[in-house]
Protein backbone atom coordinates (compact mmCIF):
# COMPACT_ATOMS: atom_id res chain seq x y z
CA MET A 1 -95.51 -132.52 -5.80
CA ALA A 2 -96.04 -129.62 -8.14
CA ASN A 3 -97.75 -130.30 -11.43
CA LYS A 4 -95.35 -130.55 -14.32
CA GLN A 5 -96.06 -127.99 -17.07
CA LYS A 6 -97.18 -129.46 -20.34
CA LYS A 7 -94.83 -128.82 -23.25
CA LYS A 8 -96.34 -126.48 -25.83
CA ARG A 9 -96.54 -127.74 -29.38
CA ASN A 10 -94.68 -125.54 -31.87
CA LYS A 11 -94.58 -127.95 -34.80
CA VAL A 12 -96.93 -127.36 -37.75
CA TYR A 13 -99.59 -130.06 -38.11
CA ARG A 14 -99.37 -131.75 -41.51
CA GLY A 15 -101.90 -134.56 -41.09
CA ALA A 16 -104.86 -135.46 -43.29
CA ASN A 17 -107.10 -132.93 -41.54
CA ALA A 18 -104.61 -130.07 -41.74
CA ALA A 19 -105.79 -126.78 -43.22
CA VAL A 20 -104.84 -126.40 -46.87
CA GLN A 21 -102.46 -123.50 -47.36
CA LYS A 22 -103.67 -121.11 -50.04
CA PRO A 23 -101.11 -120.09 -52.66
CA THR A 24 -99.84 -116.52 -52.44
CA ILE A 25 -100.80 -114.28 -55.34
CA THR A 26 -98.33 -111.69 -56.60
CA ARG A 27 -99.90 -109.04 -58.76
CA VAL A 28 -97.62 -107.27 -61.23
CA SER A 29 -98.58 -104.41 -63.50
CA ALA A 30 -96.43 -103.27 -66.38
CA VAL A 31 -96.36 -99.57 -67.25
CA ASN A 32 -94.60 -98.02 -70.21
CA ARG A 33 -92.89 -94.90 -68.81
CA SER A 34 -90.60 -92.32 -70.34
CA ARG A 35 -87.02 -92.04 -69.07
CA LEU A 36 -87.91 -89.04 -66.89
CA GLY A 37 -91.08 -90.72 -65.66
CA GLN A 38 -89.17 -93.87 -64.68
CA TRP A 39 -86.49 -91.80 -62.90
CA LEU A 40 -89.16 -89.95 -60.93
CA PHE A 41 -90.96 -93.22 -60.08
CA GLU A 42 -87.78 -94.82 -58.74
CA ARG A 43 -86.83 -91.81 -56.61
CA LYS A 44 -90.32 -90.88 -55.39
CA LYS A 45 -89.53 -91.91 -51.81
CA PHE A 46 -86.69 -89.38 -51.62
CA LEU A 47 -88.16 -86.64 -53.81
CA ARG A 48 -91.48 -86.12 -51.97
CA PRO A 49 -89.93 -84.95 -48.67
CA ALA A 50 -87.28 -82.93 -50.53
CA ILE A 51 -89.91 -81.10 -52.60
CA THR A 52 -92.04 -80.49 -49.49
CA VAL A 53 -89.06 -78.95 -47.65
CA ALA A 54 -88.19 -76.82 -50.70
CA VAL A 55 -91.76 -75.48 -50.93
CA ILE A 56 -91.82 -74.64 -47.20
CA VAL A 57 -88.46 -72.85 -47.45
CA LEU A 58 -89.69 -70.90 -50.50
CA VAL A 59 -92.88 -69.80 -48.70
CA VAL A 60 -90.91 -68.69 -45.62
CA LEU A 61 -88.47 -66.79 -47.86
CA LEU A 62 -91.35 -64.99 -49.63
CA ILE A 63 -92.87 -64.02 -46.27
CA ILE A 64 -89.53 -62.66 -45.03
CA VAL A 65 -89.00 -60.69 -48.28
CA GLY A 66 -92.51 -59.27 -47.98
CA ILE A 67 -91.98 -58.18 -44.38
CA VAL A 68 -88.61 -56.58 -45.19
CA SER A 69 -90.10 -54.70 -48.17
CA ILE A 70 -92.92 -53.33 -45.97
CA PHE A 71 -90.47 -51.95 -43.40
CA THR A 72 -88.04 -50.49 -45.96
CA ASN A 73 -90.74 -48.39 -47.69
């Protein structure tokens, strides 16, 4: 006969010797922002990549304009 596998325990132990669960701490900080500052704070996740792409496009455009002006003179 093959040995029967022992069932694994998946229930949380709640006896007298159980580890005491520490309370979770939520830290909140209040900041007084202007309307524009609050708008920027709320849309930061979208604005950062958009500003990065805009700066890269602007730099590439300036390089292309510089190259064209060198060859036209």
